[in-house]
């Protein structure tokens, strides 16, 4: 049996919808996590970062208003401070994130998900 696939999904995001469609085209019905409605905690977000193999800064959506408002471009901010910002403002989290077992990819571009399928 293969590991369950989960997608941290924002239905309003075209890349997120395209990534979900790519997974479903493979006959896989992933666990869909609407992270804007059920915000992550620090443990969950740090686990996702570890699976992605990236820093918190690399997961930030730099175009969001909250990025500017919270001065997240400040290079002195620690990884945990950036994680806290993403927990308090989930829209700062780059999306979609697809997880299978202990591996994860960002669905940007959506075809990245093929690495897990």
C-alpha atoms as a PDB file:
ATOM      1  CA  UNK A   1       0.000   0.000   0.000  1.00  0.00           C
ATOM      2  CA  UNK A   2       1.350   3.404  -0.947  1.00  0.00           C
ATOM      3  CA  UNK A   3       1.552   6.297   1.476  1.00  0.00           C
ATOM      4  CA  UNK A   4      -1.396   8.637   1.692  1.00  0.00           C
ATOM      5  CA  UNK A   5      -1.012  11.851  -0.272  1.00  0.00           C
ATOM      6  CA  UNK A   6      -2.054  15.121   1.363  1.00  0.00           C
ATOM      7  CA  UNK A   7      -2.363  18.529  -0.243  1.00  0.00           C
ATOM      8  CA  UNK A   8      -2.344  21.812   1.664  1.00  0.00           C
ATOM      9  CA  UNK A   9      -4.845  23.486  -0.594  1.00  0.00           C
ATOM     10  CA  UNK A  10      -6.344  26.900  -1.216  1.00  0.00           C
ATOM     11  CA  UNK A  11      -9.332  26.463  -3.578  1.00  0.00           C
ATOM     12  CA  UNK A  12      -9.027  30.103  -4.667  1.00  0.00           C
ATOM     13  CA  UNK A  13      -5.485  29.541  -6.002  1.00  0.00           C
ATOM     14  CA  UNK A  14      -5.217  28.383  -9.634  1.00  0.00           C
ATOM     15  CA  UNK A  15      -1.884  26.581  -9.043  1.00  0.00           C
ATOM     16  CA  UNK A  16      -3.414  24.762  -6.092  1.00  0.00           C
ATOM     17  CA  UNK A  17      -6.433  23.700  -8.183  1.00  0.00           C
ATOM     18  CA  UNK A  18      -4.174  22.560 -11.057  1.00  0.00           C
ATOM     19  CA  UNK A  19      -1.999  20.533  -8.684  1.00  0.00           C
ATOM     20  CA  UNK A  20      -5.045  18.866  -7.113  1.00  0.00           C
ATOM     21  CA  UNK A  21      -6.350  18.022 -10.617  1.00  0.00           C
ATOM     22  CA  UNK A  22      -2.990  16.441 -11.579  1.00  0.00           C
ATOM     23  CA  UNK A  23      -3.136  14.195  -8.500  1.00  0.00           C
ATOM     24  CA  UNK A  24      -6.752  13.215  -9.183  1.00  0.00           C
ATOM     25  CA  UNK A  25      -5.934  12.467 -12.861  1.00  0.00           C
ATOM     26  CA  UNK A  26      -3.636   9.722 -11.514  1.00  0.00           C
ATOM     27  CA  UNK A  27      -6.660   8.134  -9.830  1.00  0.00           C
ATOM     28  CA  UNK A  28      -5.521   9.326  -6.405  1.00  0.00           C
ATOM     29  CA  UNK A  29      -7.928  11.018  -4.012  1.00  0.00           C
ATOM     30  CA  UNK A  30      -5.647  12.967  -1.671  1.00  0.00           C
ATOM     31  CA  UNK A  31      -6.434  14.228   1.781  1.00  0.00           C
ATOM     32  CA  UNK A  32      -7.282  17.882   1.142  1.00  0.00           C
ATOM     33  CA  UNK A  33      -6.218  20.172   3.972  1.00  0.00           C
ATOM     34  CA  UNK A  34      -7.752  23.637   3.815  1.00  0.00           C
ATOM     35  CA  UNK A  35      -4.942  25.272   5.778  1.00  0.00           C
ATOM     36  CA  UNK A  36      -6.514  28.742   5.692  1.00  0.00           C
ATOM     37  CA  UNK A  37      -9.507  27.407   7.663  1.00  0.00           C
ATOM     38  CA  UNK A  38      -7.557  25.021   9.901  1.00  0.00           C
ATOM     39  CA  UNK A  39      -4.277  26.848  10.566  1.00  0.00           C
ATOM     40  CA  UNK A  40      -1.129  24.866  11.248  1.00  0.00           C
ATOM     41  CA  UNK A  41       0.816  24.929  14.479  1.00  0.00           C
ATOM     42  CA  UNK A  42       4.602  25.330  14.738  1.00  0.00           C
ATOM     43  CA  UNK A  43       5.219  21.573  15.008  1.00  0.00           C
ATOM     44  CA  UNK A  44       3.224  20.847  11.841  1.00  0.00           C
ATOM     45  CA  UNK A  45       4.818  23.682   9.876  1.00  0.00           C
ATOM     46  CA  UNK A  46       8.344  22.724  10.952  1.00  0.00           C
ATOM     47  CA  UNK A  47       7.629  19.119   9.938  1.00  0.00           C
ATOM     48  CA  UNK A  48       6.481  20.305   6.490  1.00  0.00           C
ATOM     49  CA  UNK A  49       9.598  22.481   6.104  1.00  0.00           C
ATOM     50  CA  UNK A  50      11.780  19.477   6.960  1.00  0.00           C
ATOM     51  CA  UNK A  51       9.984  17.310   4.376  1.00  0.00           C
ATOM     52  CA  UNK A  52      10.346  20.056   1.759  1.00  0.00           C
ATOM     53  CA  UNK A  53      14.007  20.524   2.666  1.00  0.00           C
ATOM     54  CA  UNK A  54      13.719  24.316   2.658  1.00  0.00           C
ATOM     55  CA  UNK A  55      13.921  27.164   5.153  1.00  0.00           C
ATOM     56  CA  UNK A  56      10.921  29.052   6.484  1.00  0.00           C
ATOM     57  CA  UNK A  57      11.993  32.073   4.399  1.00  0.00           C
ATOM     58  CA  UNK A  58      11.774  29.968   1.221  1.00  0.00           C
ATOM     59  CA  UNK A  59       8.147  29.071   2.015  1.00  0.00           C
ATOM     60  CA  UNK A  60       7.016  32.684   2.419  1.00  0.00           C
ATOM     61  CA  UNK A  61       4.768  34.293  -0.176  1.00  0.00           C
ATOM     62  CA  UNK A  62       6.608  37.564  -0.601  1.00  0.00           C
ATOM     63  CA  UNK A  63       3.825  39.248  -2.566  1.00  0.00           C
ATOM     64  CA  UNK A  64       1.324  39.159   0.291  1.00  0.00           C
ATOM     65  CA  UNK A  65       0.467  42.394   2.088  1.00  0.00           C
ATOM     66  CA  UNK A  66       1.236  40.764   5.446  1.00  0.00           C
ATOM     67  CA  UNK A  67       4.814  40.133   4.233  1.00  0.00           C
ATOM     68  CA  UNK A  68       5.308  43.889   3.921  1.00  0.00           C
ATOM     69  CA  UNK A  69       3.273  44.811   7.008  1.00  0.00           C
ATOM     70  CA  UNK A  70       5.191  42.407   9.261  1.00  0.00           C
ATOM     71  CA  UNK A  71       8.560  43.438   7.738  1.00  0.00           C
ATOM     72  CA  UNK A  72       9.374  39.812   6.917  1.00  0.00           C
ATOM     73  CA  UNK A  73      12.082  40.840   4.445  1.00  0.00           C
ATOM     74  CA  UNK A  74      14.199  41.608   7.527  1.00  0.00           C
ATOM     75  CA  UNK A  75      17.131  39.162   7.237  1.00  0.00           C
ATOM     76  CA  UNK A  76      17.627  39.211  11.042  1.00  0.00           C
ATOM     77  CA  UNK A  77      14.386  37.305  11.651  1.00  0.00           C
ATOM     78  CA  UNK A  78      14.959  33.723  12.813  1.00  0.00           C
ATOM     79  CA  UNK A  79      13.390  30.651  11.274  1.00  0.00           C
ATOM     80  CA  UNK A  80      11.066  30.357  14.295  1.00  0.00           C
ATOM     81  CA  UNK A  81       9.982  33.997  13.973  1.00  0.00           C
ATOM     82  CA  UNK A  82       9.110  33.381  10.309  1.00  0.00           C
ATOM     83  CA  UNK A  83       7.225  30.196  11.255  1.00  0.00           C
ATOM     84  CA  UNK A  84       5.282  32.193  13.874  1.00  0.00           C
ATOM     85  CA  UNK A  85       4.384  34.769  11.204  1.00  0.00           C
ATOM     86  CA  UNK A  86       3.085  32.033   8.876  1.00  0.00           C
ATOM     87  CA  UNK A  87       1.036  30.529  11.710  1.00  0.00           C
ATOM     88  CA  UNK A  88      -0.568  33.873  12.523  1.00  0.00           C
ATOM     89  CA  UNK A  89      -1.037  34.732   8.806  1.00  0.00           C
ATOM     90  CA  UNK A  90      -1.511  31.396   6.948  1.00  0.00           C
ATOM     91  CA  UNK A  91      -1.882  33.137   3.597  1.00  0.00           C
ATOM     92  CA  UNK A  92       1.878  33.791   3.825  1.00  0.00           C
ATOM     93  CA  UNK A  93       2.498  30.063   3.246  1.00  0.00           C
ATOM     94  CA  UNK A  94       3.413  29.232  -0.353  1.00  0.00           C
ATOM     95  CA  UNK A  95       0.925  26.816  -1.831  1.00  0.00           C
ATOM     96  CA  UNK A  96       0.085  24.155  -2.653  1.00  0.00           C
ATOM     97  CA  UNK A  97       2.195  21.775  -0.596  1.00  0.00           C
ATOM     98  CA  UNK A  98       1.845  18.082  -1.434  1.00  0.00           C
ATOM     99  CA  UNK A  99       3.056  15.476   1.050  1.00  0.00           C
ATOM    100  CA  UNK A 100       3.554  11.748   0.662  1.00  0.00           C
ATOM    101  CA  UNK A 101       5.151   9.954   3.597  1.00  0.00           C
ATOM    102  CA  UNK A 102       8.302  11.819   4.566  1.00  0.00           C
ATOM    103  CA  UNK A 103       8.582  13.642   1.236  1.00  0.00           C
ATOM    104  CA  UNK A 104       6.956  16.879   0.124  1.00  0.00           C
ATOM    105  CA  UNK A 105       6.967  19.200  -2.880  1.00  0.00           C
ATOM    106  CA  UNK A 106       5.612  22.628  -3.649  1.00  0.00           C
ATOM    107  CA  UNK A 107       3.127  22.573  -6.509  1.00  0.00           C
ATOM    108  CA  UNK A 108       4.852  25.481  -8.257  1.00  0.00           C
ATOM    109  CA  UNK A 109       4.763  24.585 -11.031  1.00  0.00           C
ATOM    110  CA  UNK A 110       1.962  22.032 -10.553  1.00  0.00           C
ATOM    111  CA  UNK A 111       4.018  19.406 -12.439  1.00  0.00           C
ATOM    112  CA  UNK A 112       6.373  19.225  -9.417  1.00  0.00           C
ATOM    113  CA  UNK A 113       3.794  16.889  -7.865  1.00  0.00           C
ATOM    114  CA  UNK A 114       4.757  14.201 -10.400  1.00  0.00           C
ATOM    115  CA  UNK A 115       7.929  13.595  -8.332  1.00  0.00           C
ATOM    116  CA  UNK A 116       5.703  12.078  -5.617  1.00  0.00           C
ATOM    117  CA  UNK A 117       3.219  10.171  -7.774  1.00  0.00           C
END
